[in-house]
Amino acid sequence: MAATHPTALRGTLVSFTDDPFLVDPAGAFVHETDGLVVCRNGIIEAVGAY
């Protein structure tokens, strides 16, 4: 399969570090106001702060 160029999506990201139903919901997620998701061939390669 030939390599393709990556696709980058920039925006607000929310990710969970724990189960919000089992721990304090405020401590269960990470909110990134300016984040980036990089995908290639439909697979996420990187996620993080921009």
Foldseek 3Di string as FASTA:
>chain_A
DDWDDKDKDWAKDKDFPDDVVVDPVVPGIDIAGIKMWIDTPRHTDDIDHD
